[in-house]
Every structure is written in C-alpha cells, then in structure tokens.
Amino acid sequence: MGYGVGSLLSVVVSIFARLVGLDRDRAFYATVVIVVASYYVLFAVMGGTTHALLVELGVMAGFVVVAVVGFKRNLWWVAAALVGHGVFDIFHGGLVDNAGVPEYWPAFCMSYDIGAGGILAWLLYRAKIAARKDA
C-alpha cells in the first residue's frame, strides 16, 4: 500500500503545484528535497536514539547541500537528489538503526521520492525541448 500511496501522492502534489503555480519558483522541488530528507531526523528524535539522530543529520546535510547546489546552479541536481533519496530509502534499514521509522515509511517515501524526481526530470526535459524549438 505504501508504494501505491507514495506514487499517487507524488503525482497529485506535482500536478497541484503546477496548477496553482507553486513550482514556478526554482525553490519548490529543492525545498521538497530538504523536507523529505528531514523526516528521518524526526523519526530519530521520536525513536530517542542519539546515534541515529547524528547519522540522520549527516545524511540530511548531504541532501541539503545537493538541493542548494541544484537550486543555485542546475535543477537536474535536485531531480537527482529526489531519486537518490528514493534509492536511500530502499537501503535505509540496512544502513541506519532508527527505531522511530514507521514500518511503512521506506516504501512510501521511496515511491514518493522517485515519483517526484521523475516528474521533475520530465518537466526539465520538456522545458529543454521547448527552449530548442524557440531558438
């Protein structure tokens, strides 16, 4: 169920953002990267494990750096960060012992992240094609 809900939500949120104009700003998807990376930090706090908190903060910091670089330079980095976080979700349980992570979370978050990253990549590709036609 987590896979289906995560995938559907990534599409719904992206369509909503497009319809109301939230994604007109370069910051939208970069902010999404930062938010999705912060959830494991929240779960570490909920789980009460200092070691997990420190590891999750380090991982989050990496995603924040990529999100900021992507925001400043090239949104393809942001798309890669979203997909990369989805891949991280697949392996998270084997890498970090974080007792606060709900059982359904990795599947849900992986599906959302990869879906949102794929949608952003598709939007960037479409914009590139449109720019070529206009030139």
N, C-alpha and C. Protein backbone atom coordinates (compact mmCIF):
# COMPACT_ATOMS: atom_id res chain seq x y z
N MET A 1 0.82 -1.19 0.00
CA MET A 1 0.00 0.00 0.00
C MET A 1 0.87 1.26 0.00
N GLY A 2 1.99 1.21 0.72
CA GLY A 2 2.88 2.36 0.78
C GLY A 2 3.39 2.77 -0.59
N TYR A 3 3.65 1.76 -1.44
CA TYR A 3 4.14 2.07 -2.79
C TYR A 3 3.10 2.83 -3.60
N GLY A 4 1.86 2.34 -3.55
CA GLY A 4 0.79 2.97 -4.32
C GLY A 4 0.48 4.38 -3.83
N VAL A 5 0.39 4.54 -2.51
CA VAL A 5 0.06 5.85 -1.95
C VAL A 5 1.19 6.84 -2.23
N GLY A 6 2.43 6.42 -2.05
CA GLY A 6 3.57 7.31 -2.31
C GLY A 6 3.63 7.74 -3.76
N SER A 7 3.43 6.79 -4.66
CA SER A 7 3.45 7.12 -6.10
C SER A 7 2.33 8.07 -6.47
N LEU A 8 1.12 7.75 -6.03
CA LEU A 8 -0.02 8.60 -6.33
C LEU A 8 0.15 9.99 -5.74
N LEU A 9 0.63 10.07 -4.52
CA LEU A 9 0.81 11.37 -3.89
C LEU A 9 1.85 12.22 -4.62
N SER A 10 2.90 11.60 -5.13
CA SER A 10 3.91 12.38 -5.87
C SER A 10 3.29 13.01 -7.12
N VAL A 11 2.43 12.28 -7.78
CA VAL A 11 1.76 12.81 -8.97
C VAL A 11 0.77 13.90 -8.58
N VAL A 12 -0.04 13.66 -7.55
CA VAL A 12 -1.05 14.63 -7.12
C VAL A 12 -0.39 15.93 -6.65
N VAL A 13 0.66 15.83 -5.85
CA VAL A 13 1.34 17.03 -5.35
C VAL A 13 1.97 17.80 -6.51
N SER A 14 2.59 17.09 -7.45
CA SER A 14 3.22 17.77 -8.59
C SER A 14 2.19 18.46 -9.48
N ILE A 15 1.08 17.80 -9.73
CA ILE A 15 0.01 18.42 -10.53
C ILE A 15 -0.55 19.64 -9.80
N PHE A 16 -0.82 19.48 -8.52
CA PHE A 16 -1.32 20.60 -7.72
C PHE A 16 -0.35 21.77 -7.76
N ALA A 17 0.94 21.49 -7.57
CA ALA A 17 1.95 22.55 -7.59
C ALA A 17 1.99 23.25 -8.94
N ARG A 18 1.81 22.50 -10.01
CA ARG A 18 1.81 23.08 -11.35
C ARG A 18 0.56 23.92 -11.57
N LEU A 19 -0.60 23.41 -11.15
CA LEU A 19 -1.87 24.13 -11.38
C LEU A 19 -1.94 25.45 -10.62
N VAL A 20 -1.46 25.47 -9.39
CA VAL A 20 -1.54 26.71 -8.60
C VAL A 20 -0.30 27.57 -8.75
N GLY A 21 0.71 27.08 -9.43
CA GLY A 21 1.90 27.88 -9.71
C GLY A 21 3.01 27.79 -8.68
N LEU A 22 2.90 26.86 -7.74
CA LEU A 22 3.95 26.74 -6.74
C LEU A 22 5.29 26.34 -7.34
N ASP A 23 5.26 25.56 -8.41
CA ASP A 23 6.52 25.07 -8.98
C ASP A 23 7.13 26.06 -9.99
N ARG A 24 6.55 27.25 -10.11
CA ARG A 24 7.16 28.26 -10.98
C ARG A 24 8.47 28.76 -10.40
N ASP A 25 8.60 28.66 -9.11
CA ASP A 25 9.82 29.08 -8.44
C ASP A 25 10.78 27.90 -8.38
N ARG A 26 12.04 28.15 -8.65
CA ARG A 26 13.06 27.11 -8.62
C ARG A 26 13.17 26.45 -7.25
N ALA A 27 12.69 27.13 -6.23
CA ALA A 27 12.86 26.65 -4.86
C ALA A 27 11.91 25.50 -4.51
N PHE A 28 10.85 25.30 -5.27
CA PHE A 28 9.84 24.33 -4.87
C PHE A 28 10.41 22.93 -4.68
N TYR A 29 10.98 22.36 -5.73
CA TYR A 29 11.47 20.98 -5.63
C TYR A 29 12.71 20.89 -4.75
N ALA A 30 13.52 21.93 -4.69
CA ALA A 30 14.66 21.94 -3.77
C ALA A 30 14.17 21.87 -2.33
N THR A 31 13.10 22.58 -2.04
CA THR A 31 12.50 22.54 -0.71
C THR A 31 11.94 21.16 -0.41
N VAL A 32 11.34 20.53 -1.41
CA VAL A 32 10.82 19.17 -1.23
C VAL A 32 11.96 18.22 -0.84
N VAL A 33 13.12 18.35 -1.48
CA VAL A 33 14.27 17.51 -1.13
C VAL A 33 14.62 17.69 0.34
N ILE A 34 14.69 18.93 0.79
CA ILE A 34 15.07 19.20 2.17
C ILE A 34 14.03 18.64 3.14
N VAL A 35 12.77 18.78 2.79
CA VAL A 35 11.71 18.28 3.67
C VAL A 35 11.74 16.76 3.74
N VAL A 36 11.85 16.07 2.61
CA VAL A 36 11.84 14.60 2.66
C VAL A 36 13.06 14.08 3.40
N ALA A 37 14.18 14.76 3.28
CA ALA A 37 15.39 14.33 4.00
C ALA A 37 15.27 14.57 5.50
N SER A 38 14.43 15.51 5.89
CA SER A 38 14.29 15.82 7.32
C SER A 38 13.44 14.80 8.08
N TYR A 39 12.63 14.02 7.39
CA TYR A 39 11.75 13.09 8.09
C TYR A 39 12.50 12.05 8.89
N TYR A 40 13.61 11.54 8.35
CA TYR A 40 14.37 10.54 9.11
C TYR A 40 14.97 11.15 10.37
N VAL A 41 15.28 12.45 10.32
CA VAL A 41 15.76 13.13 11.53
C VAL A 41 14.62 13.17 12.56
N LEU A 42 13.44 13.51 12.12
CA LEU A 42 12.27 13.49 13.01
C LEU A 42 12.07 12.11 13.62
N PHE A 43 12.17 11.08 12.80
CA PHE A 43 11.98 9.72 13.30
C PHE A 43 13.06 9.34 14.32
N ALA A 44 14.28 9.83 14.11
CA ALA A 44 15.35 9.55 15.07
C ALA A 44 15.04 10.22 16.41
N VAL A 45 14.51 11.42 16.36
CA VAL A 45 14.11 12.10 17.61
C VAL A 45 13.00 11.30 18.28
N MET A 46 12.03 10.86 17.50
CA MET A 46 10.92 10.07 18.05
C MET A 46 11.42 8.75 18.64
N GLY A 47 12.42 8.16 17.98
CA GLY A 47 12.97 6.89 18.46
C GLY A 47 13.88 7.05 19.66
N GLY A 48 14.34 8.27 19.93
CA GLY A 48 15.13 8.54 21.11
C GLY A 48 16.56 8.03 21.07
N THR A 49 17.11 7.83 19.86
CA THR A 49 18.46 7.30 19.74
C THR A 49 19.40 8.40 19.25
N THR A 50 20.36 8.77 20.08
CA THR A 50 21.30 9.84 19.72
C THR A 50 22.14 9.43 18.52
N HIS A 51 22.60 8.19 18.48
CA HIS A 51 23.42 7.74 17.35
C HIS A 51 22.65 7.87 16.03
N ALA A 52 21.40 7.39 16.02
CA ALA A 52 20.59 7.50 14.81
C ALA A 52 20.37 8.97 14.44
N LEU A 53 20.16 9.81 15.43
CA LEU A 53 19.96 11.24 15.17
C LEU A 53 21.18 11.84 14.48
N LEU A 54 22.36 11.53 14.98
CA LEU A 54 23.58 12.07 14.39
C LEU A 54 23.79 11.57 12.96
N VAL A 55 23.54 10.29 12.75
CA VAL A 55 23.68 9.73 11.39
C VAL A 55 22.67 10.38 10.45
N GLU A 56 21.43 10.47 10.89
CA GLU A 56 20.38 11.05 10.05
C GLU A 56 20.65 12.52 9.76
N LEU A 57 21.19 13.25 10.73
CA LEU A 57 21.54 14.65 10.49
C LEU A 57 22.64 14.76 9.44
N GLY A 58 23.61 13.85 9.49
CA GLY A 58 24.68 13.85 8.49
C GLY A 58 24.15 13.56 7.09
N VAL A 59 23.26 12.58 6.99
CA VAL A 59 22.67 12.25 5.68
C VAL A 59 21.83 13.43 5.19
N MET A 60 21.04 14.00 6.08
CA MET A 60 20.22 15.15 5.69
C MET A 60 21.09 16.29 5.19
N ALA A 61 22.19 16.54 5.88
CA ALA A 61 23.10 17.62 5.47
C ALA A 61 23.57 17.41 4.03
N GLY A 62 23.87 16.17 3.67
CA GLY A 62 24.28 15.89 2.29
C GLY A 62 23.20 16.23 1.29
N PHE A 63 21.97 15.85 1.59
CA PHE A 63 20.86 16.16 0.68
C PHE A 63 20.58 17.66 0.64
N VAL A 64 20.75 18.34 1.75
CA VAL A 64 20.56 19.79 1.77
C VAL A 64 21.60 20.46 0.86
N VAL A 65 22.84 20.02 0.94
CA VAL A 65 23.89 20.59 0.09
C VAL A 65 23.55 20.40 -1.38
N VAL A 66 23.14 19.19 -1.76
CA VAL A 66 22.79 18.94 -3.16
C VAL A 66 21.58 19.76 -3.57
N ALA A 67 20.59 19.91 -2.69
CA ALA A 67 19.41 20.72 -3.00
C ALA A 67 19.78 22.17 -3.23
N VAL A 68 20.66 22.70 -2.40
CA VAL A 68 21.07 24.11 -2.55
C VAL A 68 21.89 24.29 -3.82
N VAL A 69 22.82 23.38 -4.09
CA VAL A 69 23.60 23.46 -5.33
C VAL A 69 22.67 23.39 -6.54
N GLY A 70 21.71 22.46 -6.49
CA GLY A 70 20.76 22.35 -7.59
C GLY A 70 19.91 23.59 -7.76
N PHE A 71 19.47 24.16 -6.66
CA PHE A 71 18.68 25.39 -6.70
C PHE A 71 19.50 26.52 -7.32
N LYS A 72 20.74 26.64 -6.93
CA LYS A 72 21.59 27.74 -7.40
C LYS A 72 22.09 27.54 -8.84
N ARG A 73 22.37 26.30 -9.22
CA ARG A 73 23.06 26.07 -10.49
C ARG A 73 22.26 25.34 -11.55
N ASN A 74 21.68 24.20 -11.17
CA ASN A 74 21.04 23.37 -12.18
C ASN A 74 20.03 22.44 -11.51
N LEU A 75 18.76 22.56 -11.89
CA LEU A 75 17.70 21.78 -11.24
C LEU A 75 17.81 20.28 -11.50
N TRP A 76 18.66 19.87 -12.44
CA TRP A 76 18.87 18.44 -12.64
C TRP A 76 19.47 17.82 -11.38
N TRP A 77 20.27 18.58 -10.63
CA TRP A 77 20.81 18.09 -9.36
C TRP A 77 19.68 17.83 -8.36
N VAL A 78 18.67 18.65 -8.39
CA VAL A 78 17.53 18.48 -7.49
C VAL A 78 16.76 17.21 -7.86
N ALA A 79 16.54 17.00 -9.16
CA ALA A 79 15.88 15.77 -9.61
C ALA A 79 16.69 14.55 -9.19
N ALA A 80 18.00 14.63 -9.35
CA ALA A 80 18.87 13.53 -8.94
C ALA A 80 18.82 13.31 -7.43
N ALA A 81 18.73 14.38 -6.67
CA ALA A 81 18.64 14.25 -5.21
C ALA A 81 17.35 13.56 -4.79
N LEU A 82 16.26 13.89 -5.45
CA LEU A 82 14.99 13.24 -5.12
C LEU A 82 15.07 11.73 -5.42
N VAL A 83 15.54 11.40 -6.60
CA VAL A 83 15.67 9.98 -6.95
C VAL A 83 16.69 9.31 -6.03
N GLY A 84 17.78 10.02 -5.74
CA GLY A 84 18.80 9.48 -4.85
C GLY A 84 18.26 9.21 -3.45
N HIS A 85 17.40 10.08 -2.97
CA HIS A 85 16.79 9.84 -1.66
C HIS A 85 15.87 8.63 -1.71
N GLY A 86 15.20 8.45 -2.85
CA GLY A 86 14.38 7.25 -3.01
C GLY A 86 15.23 5.98 -2.95
N VAL A 87 16.39 6.01 -3.57
CA VAL A 87 17.30 4.87 -3.51
C VAL A 87 17.79 4.68 -2.07
N PHE A 88 18.10 5.77 -1.41
CA PHE A 88 18.49 5.71 0.01
C PHE A 88 17.40 5.04 0.84
N ASP A 89 16.14 5.36 0.56
CA ASP A 89 15.03 4.74 1.29
C ASP A 89 15.05 3.22 1.18
N ILE A 90 15.44 2.72 0.02
CA ILE A 90 15.48 1.27 -0.19
C ILE A 90 16.47 0.62 0.78
N PHE A 91 17.61 1.26 0.98
CA PHE A 91 18.69 0.68 1.78
C PHE A 91 18.74 1.21 3.21
N HIS A 92 17.88 2.15 3.55
CA HIS A 92 17.96 2.83 4.84
C HIS A 92 17.99 1.87 6.02
N GLY A 93 17.09 0.90 6.04
CA GLY A 93 17.01 -0.02 7.17
C GLY A 93 18.29 -0.81 7.41
N GLY A 94 19.02 -1.09 6.36
CA GLY A 94 20.28 -1.81 6.50
C GLY A 94 21.46 -0.92 6.85
N LEU A 95 21.28 0.39 6.69
CA LEU A 95 22.36 1.34 6.94
C LEU A 95 22.26 2.03 8.29
N VAL A 96 21.04 2.31 8.72
CA VAL A 96 20.83 3.08 9.95
C VAL A 96 19.81 2.35 10.82
N ASP A 97 20.15 2.15 12.08
CA ASP A 97 19.21 1.56 13.03
C ASP A 97 18.44 2.70 13.69
N ASN A 98 17.28 3.03 13.11
CA ASN A 98 16.47 4.15 13.58
C ASN A 98 15.12 3.59 14.01
N ALA A 99 14.96 3.43 15.32
CA ALA A 99 13.75 2.80 15.87
C ALA A 99 12.48 3.61 15.63
N GLY A 100 12.61 4.88 15.32
CA GLY A 100 11.43 5.73 15.14
C GLY A 100 10.79 5.64 13.76
N VAL A 101 11.43 4.96 12.82
CA VAL A 101 10.90 4.89 11.45
C VAL A 101 9.70 3.95 11.41
N PRO A 102 8.54 4.43 10.98
CA PRO A 102 7.38 3.53 10.86
C PRO A 102 7.66 2.45 9.80
N GLU A 103 7.05 1.32 9.98
CA GLU A 103 7.29 0.18 9.10
C GLU A 103 6.97 0.49 7.63
N TYR A 104 5.94 1.24 7.39
CA TYR A 104 5.51 1.54 6.02
C TYR A 104 6.36 2.64 5.36
N TRP A 105 7.14 3.40 6.15
CA TRP A 105 7.76 4.61 5.64
C TRP A 105 8.72 4.40 4.46
N PRO A 106 9.67 3.47 4.55
CA PRO A 106 10.61 3.36 3.43
C PRO A 106 9.93 3.14 2.08
N ALA A 107 8.92 2.28 2.02
CA ALA A 107 8.21 2.03 0.76
C ALA A 107 7.47 3.28 0.30
N PHE A 108 6.78 3.93 1.22
CA PHE A 108 6.04 5.14 0.89
C PHE A 108 6.99 6.24 0.40
N CYS A 109 8.03 6.50 1.18
CA CYS A 109 8.94 7.60 0.86
C CYS A 109 9.71 7.32 -0.43
N MET A 110 10.15 6.08 -0.62
CA MET A 110 10.85 5.72 -1.86
C MET A 110 9.95 5.99 -3.07
N SER A 111 8.72 5.57 -2.98
CA SER A 111 7.79 5.78 -4.09
C SER A 111 7.55 7.25 -4.36
N TYR A 112 7.36 8.02 -3.28
CA TYR A 112 7.14 9.45 -3.45
C TYR A 112 8.37 10.12 -4.06
N ASP A 113 9.54 9.83 -3.50
CA ASP A 113 10.77 10.49 -3.94
C ASP A 113 11.08 10.19 -5.40
N ILE A 114 11.03 8.93 -5.76
CA ILE A 114 11.34 8.57 -7.14
C ILE A 114 10.28 9.13 -8.09
N GLY A 115 9.02 9.11 -7.67
CA GLY A 115 7.97 9.71 -8.49
C GLY A 115 8.18 11.20 -8.69
N ALA A 116 8.43 11.92 -7.61
CA ALA A 116 8.64 13.38 -7.70
C ALA A 116 9.90 13.70 -8.50
N GLY A 117 10.97 12.94 -8.29
CA GLY A 117 12.20 13.17 -9.06
C GLY A 117 12.00 12.90 -10.53
N GLY A 118 11.25 11.85 -10.84
CA GLY A 118 10.95 11.55 -12.24
C GLY A 118 10.10 12.62 -12.89
N ILE A 119 9.12 13.13 -12.16
CA ILE A 119 8.27 14.20 -12.69
C ILE A 119 9.10 15.46 -12.93
N LEU A 120 9.96 15.82 -11.98
CA LEU A 120 10.81 16.99 -12.17
C LEU A 120 11.73 16.80 -13.38
N ALA A 121 12.30 15.61 -13.52
CA ALA A 121 13.17 15.34 -14.68
C ALA A 121 12.38 15.48 -15.98
N TRP A 122 11.15 14.99 -16.00
CA TRP A 122 10.31 15.10 -17.18
C TRP A 122 10.00 16.57 -17.49
N LEU A 123 9.69 17.35 -16.44
CA LEU A 123 9.43 18.78 -16.64
C LEU A 123 10.66 19.51 -17.18
N LEU A 124 11.82 19.18 -16.63
CA LEU A 124 13.07 19.81 -17.10
C LEU A 124 13.37 19.43 -18.54
N TYR A 125 13.14 18.18 -18.88
CA TYR A 125 13.36 17.72 -20.25
C TYR A 125 12.41 18.43 -21.21
N ARG A 126 11.13 18.53 -20.82
CA ARG A 126 10.16 19.24 -21.67
C ARG A 126 10.56 20.69 -21.86
N ALA A 127 11.02 21.34 -20.81
CA ALA A 127 11.44 22.74 -20.91
C ALA A 127 12.65 22.87 -21.84
N LYS A 128 13.55 21.92 -21.78
CA LYS A 128 14.72 21.94 -22.66
C LYS A 128 14.32 21.80 -24.12
N ILE A 129 13.39 20.88 -24.38
CA ILE A 129 12.89 20.69 -25.75
C ILE A 129 12.19 21.95 -26.24
N ALA A 130 11.36 22.54 -25.39
CA ALA A 130 10.63 23.76 -25.77
C ALA A 130 11.62 24.91 -26.05
N ALA A 131 12.67 25.00 -25.28
CA ALA A 131 13.65 26.05 -25.48
C ALA A 131 14.38 25.86 -26.81
N ARG A 132 14.62 24.63 -27.21
CA ARG A 132 15.27 24.34 -28.50
C ARG A 132 14.37 24.76 -29.65
N LYS A 133 13.06 24.50 -29.50
CA LYS A 133 12.11 24.86 -30.56
C LYS A 133 12.01 26.36 -30.72
N ASP A 134 12.13 27.09 -29.61
CA ASP A 134 12.02 28.55 -29.65
C ASP A 134 13.27 29.20 -30.20
N ALA A 135 14.38 28.50 -30.13
CA ALA A 135 15.67 29.10 -30.56
C ALA A 135 15.83 29.12 -32.06
